Amino acid sequence: MSYPRRSVRRVREAVEVAARPGYTVSVVTCADDHTGWSPPEVSTGYRMVLVRRGRFRRRARGGVADVDPTSAYLAELGDEEQFAHPAGGDVCTSVTFGPDLWQRLAGDRRARSTVYVDGALDLAHRRAVAAAADPDYALAEELLTLVGRAITQVGTGTGRAGDRLLVARAREAIAADDPAAAGLFPLAELLAVSPYRLSRAFTRELGVSLTRYRNRVRVGRALDRLEMGERRLAVLAADLGFADQAHLTRVVREHAGRTPAVLRRLLTG
């Protein structure tokens, strides 16, 4: 997501939406589509990056992570990073913190390099973006929620190397709406592994079950539609593969803590 100075102008645009002493919030659009790794670069500060659209890969702290709307990364001062975009560009929210504010927010513990973005963290991200017009209070409060959830969230990369590759392929299929991703058994068949191994790999790698992950992706898509003002919840449920409107409401409330109707009001102001 971040590149050497000579190439930034061509592939990346960063629009600063809020800046106050101690933190800056930017919307970063990357139009690159290179599949190889960018040259190494060293992080010069503390940064939290959450994906709004698209996905990319990040190499840091000796590990590789797939970053998409269900995962975020936290870079600390001195981290050496490389990036690759095998699936095209992306749009992200980047929050840069000064060292003093980061210390007050995160304390002495070292944040995980990559964190799983559950429904509550996704909602906190969206509300932080929506609060940019009031950076001194509304945005500041949402950033507290965002950072608080991120630094205590279950991290990725805790499983085996084989698990990481398998989970990455499964996440790709789910994100692409591959027909095989409609169920555990056909997805396992597509990936040429047993359903048992696929199910266990998700829990080891992401800290959540495959069922919960798939529902998390569907909730994210529901939030996208609600953010745009969608009012036809029965249609939304059918489009996203839920059994009915009641099923949609139950799953959304389980992941985001509120019903779709309440979330629509929160996200549309």
Protein backbone atom coordinates (compact mmCIF):
# COMPACT_ATOMS: atom_id res chain seq x y z
CA MET A 1 0.00 0.00 0.00
CA SER A 2 2.99 2.28 0.45
CA TYR A 3 5.72 2.59 -2.14
CA PRO A 4 9.07 4.29 -2.79
CA ARG A 5 8.76 7.99 -3.46
CA ARG A 6 9.52 7.67 -7.16
CA SER A 7 6.41 5.49 -7.79
CA VAL A 8 3.87 6.87 -5.31
CA ARG A 9 2.62 9.52 -7.71
CA ARG A 10 1.71 6.92 -10.31
CA VAL A 11 -0.09 4.33 -8.24
CA ARG A 12 -1.36 5.89 -5.01
CA GLU A 13 -3.48 8.84 -3.99
CA ALA A 14 -3.90 9.81 -0.34
CA VAL A 15 -6.63 12.31 0.62
CA GLU A 16 -6.31 13.69 4.14
CA VAL A 17 -9.78 13.89 5.70
CA ALA A 18 -8.81 14.92 9.23
CA ALA A 19 -5.63 16.10 10.94
CA ARG A 20 -5.12 17.04 14.55
CA PRO A 21 -2.08 17.09 16.85
CA GLY A 22 -1.29 13.44 17.42
CA TYR A 23 -3.19 11.83 14.56
CA THR A 24 -4.07 12.08 10.87
CA VAL A 25 -6.79 10.21 8.98
CA SER A 26 -6.46 9.67 5.23
CA VAL A 27 -8.35 7.78 2.55
CA VAL A 28 -5.77 6.01 0.40
CA THR A 29 -6.59 4.78 -3.10
CA CYS A 30 -4.08 2.44 -4.73
CA ALA A 31 -4.51 1.65 -8.42
CA ASP A 32 -1.57 -0.71 -8.70
CA ASP A 33 -1.89 -4.28 -9.96
CA HIS A 34 1.64 -5.69 -9.55
CA THR A 35 1.79 -9.26 -8.33
CA GLY A 36 5.39 -9.10 -7.09
CA TRP A 37 6.66 -7.53 -3.88
CA SER A 38 7.47 -3.84 -3.68
CA PRO A 39 10.97 -2.87 -2.47
CA PRO A 40 11.33 -2.97 1.33
CA GLU A 41 10.62 0.24 3.21
CA VAL A 42 10.80 1.09 6.89
CA SER A 43 7.78 2.50 8.67
CA THR A 44 8.49 5.97 10.05
CA GLY A 45 5.60 6.01 12.50
CA TYR A 46 2.59 4.23 13.99
CA ARG A 47 -0.15 3.46 11.51
CA MET A 48 -3.41 1.52 11.43
CA VAL A 49 -4.77 0.61 7.99
CA LEU A 50 -8.26 -0.79 7.38
CA VAL A 51 -9.47 -1.84 3.93
CA ARG A 52 -12.67 -0.41 2.56
CA ARG A 53 -12.55 -2.13 -0.85
CA GLY A 54 -10.19 -4.55 -2.56
CA ARG A 55 -7.34 -6.56 -1.09
CA PHE A 56 -3.55 -6.83 -1.11
CA ARG A 57 -0.71 -8.69 0.58
CA ARG A 58 1.70 -7.36 3.19
CA ARG A 59 5.02 -8.80 4.34
CA ALA A 60 6.28 -7.60 7.73
CA ARG A 61 7.77 -8.95 10.97
CA GLY A 62 8.76 -12.16 9.21
CA GLY A 63 5.25 -13.05 8.06
CA VAL A 64 2.90 -12.56 5.11
CA ALA A 65 -0.75 -11.56 5.51
CA ASP A 66 -3.66 -11.14 3.12
CA VAL A 67 -5.33 -7.82 3.93
CA ASP A 68 -8.95 -7.19 2.93
CA PRO A 69 -12.10 -5.78 4.59
CA THR A 70 -11.99 -8.65 7.11
CA SER A 71 -8.43 -7.91 8.22
CA ALA A 72 -6.40 -4.83 9.08
CA TYR A 73 -2.76 -4.19 9.87
CA LEU A 74 -0.90 -2.08 12.39
CA ALA A 75 2.55 -0.81 11.56
CA GLU A 76 4.90 0.38 14.25
CA LEU A 77 7.98 2.58 14.11
CA GLY A 78 10.81 0.65 12.43
CA ASP A 79 8.69 -2.11 10.85
CA GLU A 80 10.10 -3.18 7.48
CA GLU A 81 7.23 -3.63 5.02
CA GLN A 82 6.63 -4.89 1.49
CA PHE A 83 3.36 -4.98 -0.45
CA ALA A 84 1.91 -6.86 -3.42
CA HIS A 85 -1.40 -6.42 -5.28
CA PRO A 86 -2.25 -9.68 -7.05
CA ALA A 87 -5.95 -8.75 -7.24
CA GLY A 88 -5.70 -5.13 -8.41
CA GLY A 89 -6.12 -1.93 -6.43
CA ASP A 90 -7.73 -1.08 -3.13
CA VAL A 91 -9.21 1.73 -1.05
CA CYS A 92 -8.14 2.00 2.59
CA THR A 93 -8.49 4.19 5.64
CA SER A 94 -5.08 4.99 7.10
CA VAL A 95 -4.78 6.45 10.59
CA THR A 96 -1.30 7.71 11.52
CA PHE A 97 -0.57 8.34 15.21
CA GLY A 98 2.16 10.36 16.86
CA PRO A 99 4.30 8.34 19.30
CA ASP A 100 2.89 10.05 22.40
CA LEU A 101 -0.76 9.44 21.47
CA TRP A 102 -0.03 5.87 20.39
CA GLN A 103 1.62 5.21 23.76
CA ARG A 104 -1.44 6.53 25.57
CA LEU A 105 -3.80 4.46 23.43
CA ALA A 106 -1.89 1.18 23.12
CA GLY A 107 0.25 1.26 26.25
CA ASP A 108 3.44 -0.74 26.43
CA ARG A 109 2.17 -3.83 24.64
CA ARG A 110 3.22 -4.39 21.05
CA ALA A 111 0.19 -4.55 18.80
CA ARG A 112 -0.21 -7.56 16.54
CA SER A 113 0.89 -6.90 12.99
CA THR A 114 -2.42 -8.13 11.55
CA VAL A 115 -5.83 -8.24 13.22
CA TYR A 116 -9.10 -9.89 12.31
CA VAL A 117 -11.78 -7.29 11.61
CA ASP A 118 -15.03 -8.60 13.09
CA GLY A 119 -18.41 -6.95 12.59
CA ALA A 120 -17.99 -4.61 15.56
CA LEU A 121 -14.59 -3.40 14.35
CA ASP A 122 -15.97 -2.94 10.83
CA LEU A 123 -18.76 -0.79 12.24
CA ALA A 124 -16.26 1.25 14.30
CA HIS A 125 -14.25 1.82 11.11
CA ARG A 126 -17.28 3.04 9.17
CA ARG A 127 -18.38 5.31 12.00
CA ALA A 128 -14.89 6.81 12.26
CA VAL A 129 -14.95 7.66 8.54
CA ALA A 130 -18.43 9.19 8.90
CA ALA A 131 -17.27 11.27 11.89
CA ALA A 132 -14.41 12.97 10.02
CA ALA A 133 -16.37 16.24 9.87
CA ASP A 134 -16.02 16.57 13.67
CA PRO A 135 -12.40 15.58 14.30
CA ASP A 136 -12.09 17.02 17.80
CA TYR A 137 -14.88 15.02 19.46
CA ALA A 138 -16.90 12.62 17.27
CA LEU A 139 -13.90 11.31 15.34
CA ALA A 140 -11.69 11.25 18.43
CA GLU A 141 -14.25 9.10 20.26
CA GLU A 142 -14.62 6.71 17.32
CA LEU A 143 -10.82 6.39 17.08
CA LEU A 144 -10.73 5.35 20.74
CA THR A 145 -13.19 2.56 19.95
CA LEU A 146 -11.33 1.62 16.78
CA VAL A 147 -7.88 1.38 18.36
CA GLY A 148 -9.21 -0.24 21.52
CA ARG A 149 -10.85 -3.02 19.51
CA ALA A 150 -7.93 -3.42 17.10
CA ILE A 151 -5.18 -3.89 19.68
CA THR A 152 -7.17 -6.52 21.58
CA GLN A 153 -8.55 -8.33 18.54
CA VAL A 154 -7.63 -11.88 17.58
CA GLY A 155 -4.63 -11.78 15.25
CA THR A 156 -3.92 -13.82 12.13
CA GLY A 157 -0.89 -15.90 11.40
CA THR A 158 -1.09 -18.12 14.48
CA GLY A 159 -1.50 -21.39 12.58
CA ARG A 160 0.74 -23.50 10.38
CA ALA A 161 2.14 -22.44 7.01
CA GLY A 162 -0.22 -24.88 5.28
CA ASP A 163 -3.17 -23.41 7.16
CA ARG A 164 -2.28 -19.89 6.04
CA LEU A 165 -2.27 -20.89 2.37
CA LEU A 166 -5.48 -22.91 2.68
CA VAL A 167 -7.33 -20.14 4.53
CA ALA A 168 -6.10 -17.56 2.00
CA ARG A 169 -7.51 -19.65 -0.87
CA ALA A 170 -10.80 -20.15 0.96
CA ARG A 171 -11.09 -16.42 1.70
CA GLU A 172 -10.46 -15.72 -1.98
CA ALA A 173 -13.27 -18.05 -3.02
CA ILE A 174 -15.68 -16.54 -0.50
CA ALA A 175 -14.79 -12.97 -1.52
CA ALA A 176 -15.25 -13.83 -5.20
CA ASP A 177 -18.64 -15.48 -4.56
CA ASP A 178 -17.43 -18.69 -6.12
CA PRO A 179 -20.45 -21.04 -6.38
CA ALA A 180 -18.50 -23.60 -4.35
CA ALA A 181 -18.34 -21.14 -1.46
CA ALA A 182 -22.07 -21.64 -0.86
CA GLY A 183 -21.29 -24.51 1.52
CA LEU A 184 -18.52 -26.11 3.55
CA PHE A 185 -18.50 -29.39 1.63
CA PRO A 186 -18.32 -27.93 -1.91
CA LEU A 187 -15.72 -25.38 -0.75
CA ALA A 188 -13.55 -28.16 0.69
CA GLU A 189 -13.95 -30.10 -2.56
CA LEU A 190 -12.89 -27.03 -4.58
CA LEU A 191 -9.77 -26.70 -2.42
CA ALA A 192 -9.07 -30.46 -2.54
CA VAL A 193 -8.98 -30.88 1.25
CA SER A 194 -11.20 -32.60 3.76
CA PRO A 195 -13.98 -30.51 5.34
CA TYR A 196 -12.43 -31.29 8.74
CA ARG A 197 -9.08 -29.79 7.79
CA LEU A 198 -10.65 -26.70 6.23
CA SER A 199 -12.82 -26.06 9.28
CA ARG A 200 -9.95 -26.52 11.75
CA ALA A 201 -7.59 -24.32 9.69
CA PHE A 202 -9.91 -21.31 9.99
CA THR A 203 -10.10 -21.59 13.75
CA ARG A 204 -6.33 -21.95 14.09
CA GLU A 205 -5.49 -19.16 11.65
CA LEU A 206 -8.15 -16.51 12.28
CA GLY A 207 -9.51 -17.47 15.68
CA VAL A 208 -13.06 -17.79 14.29
CA SER A 209 -14.98 -20.61 12.63
CA LEU A 210 -15.47 -20.79 8.87
CA THR A 211 -19.22 -20.29 9.39
CA ARG A 212 -18.63 -17.13 11.39
CA TYR A 213 -16.13 -15.83 8.83
CA ARG A 214 -18.54 -16.35 5.93
CA ASN A 215 -21.30 -14.58 7.87
CA ARG A 216 -18.86 -11.77 8.65
CA VAL A 217 -18.31 -11.26 4.91
CA ARG A 218 -22.05 -11.20 4.29
CA VAL A 219 -22.59 -8.73 7.14
CA GLY A 220 -19.95 -6.47 5.58
CA ARG A 221 -21.86 -6.51 2.32
CA ALA A 222 -25.08 -5.78 4.19
CA LEU A 223 -23.41 -2.78 5.86
CA ASP A 224 -22.32 -1.53 2.42
CA ARG A 225 -25.91 -1.59 1.23
CA LEU A 226 -27.30 -0.07 4.44
CA GLU A 227 -24.70 2.69 4.22
CA MET A 228 -26.13 3.53 0.80
CA GLY A 229 -29.62 3.76 2.32
CA GLU A 230 -31.05 0.34 1.42
CA ARG A 231 -34.50 0.01 3.01
CA ARG A 232 -35.78 -3.24 1.45
CA LEU A 233 -34.48 -5.69 4.03
CA ALA A 234 -36.25 -8.68 2.51
CA VAL A 235 -34.56 -7.98 -0.83
CA LEU A 236 -31.23 -7.46 0.91
CA ALA A 237 -31.61 -10.80 2.71
CA ALA A 238 -32.35 -12.61 -0.53
CA ASP A 239 -29.47 -10.95 -2.39
CA LEU A 240 -26.98 -11.98 0.29
CA GLY A 241 -28.20 -15.55 0.59
CA PHE A 242 -29.96 -15.37 3.96
CA ALA A 243 -33.01 -17.56 4.54
CA ASP A 244 -35.26 -14.54 5.14
CA GLN A 245 -35.31 -11.06 6.67
CA ALA A 246 -35.40 -12.44 10.20
CA HIS A 247 -32.24 -14.47 9.52
CA LEU A 248 -30.50 -11.38 8.15
CA THR A 249 -31.50 -9.34 11.20
CA ARG A 250 -30.32 -12.02 13.62
CA VAL A 251 -26.90 -12.45 11.99
CA VAL A 252 -26.29 -8.71 11.56
CA ARG A 253 -27.19 -8.04 15.19
CA GLU A 254 -24.93 -10.90 16.32
CA HIS A 255 -21.94 -9.48 14.43
CA ALA A 256 -22.48 -5.70 14.62
CA GLY A 257 -24.49 -5.43 17.83
CA ARG A 258 -27.46 -3.65 16.24
CA THR A 259 -30.34 -4.41 13.90
CA PRO A 260 -30.12 -3.45 10.20
CA ALA A 261 -32.66 -0.62 10.68
CA VAL A 262 -30.63 0.93 13.50
CA LEU A 263 -27.39 0.51 11.56
CA ARG A 264 -28.88 2.26 8.53
CA ARG A 265 -29.69 5.29 10.68
CA LEU A 266 -26.21 5.27 12.24
CA LEU A 267 -24.40 4.96 8.92
CA THR A 268 -26.48 7.44 6.94
CA GLY A 269 -26.45 10.12 9.65
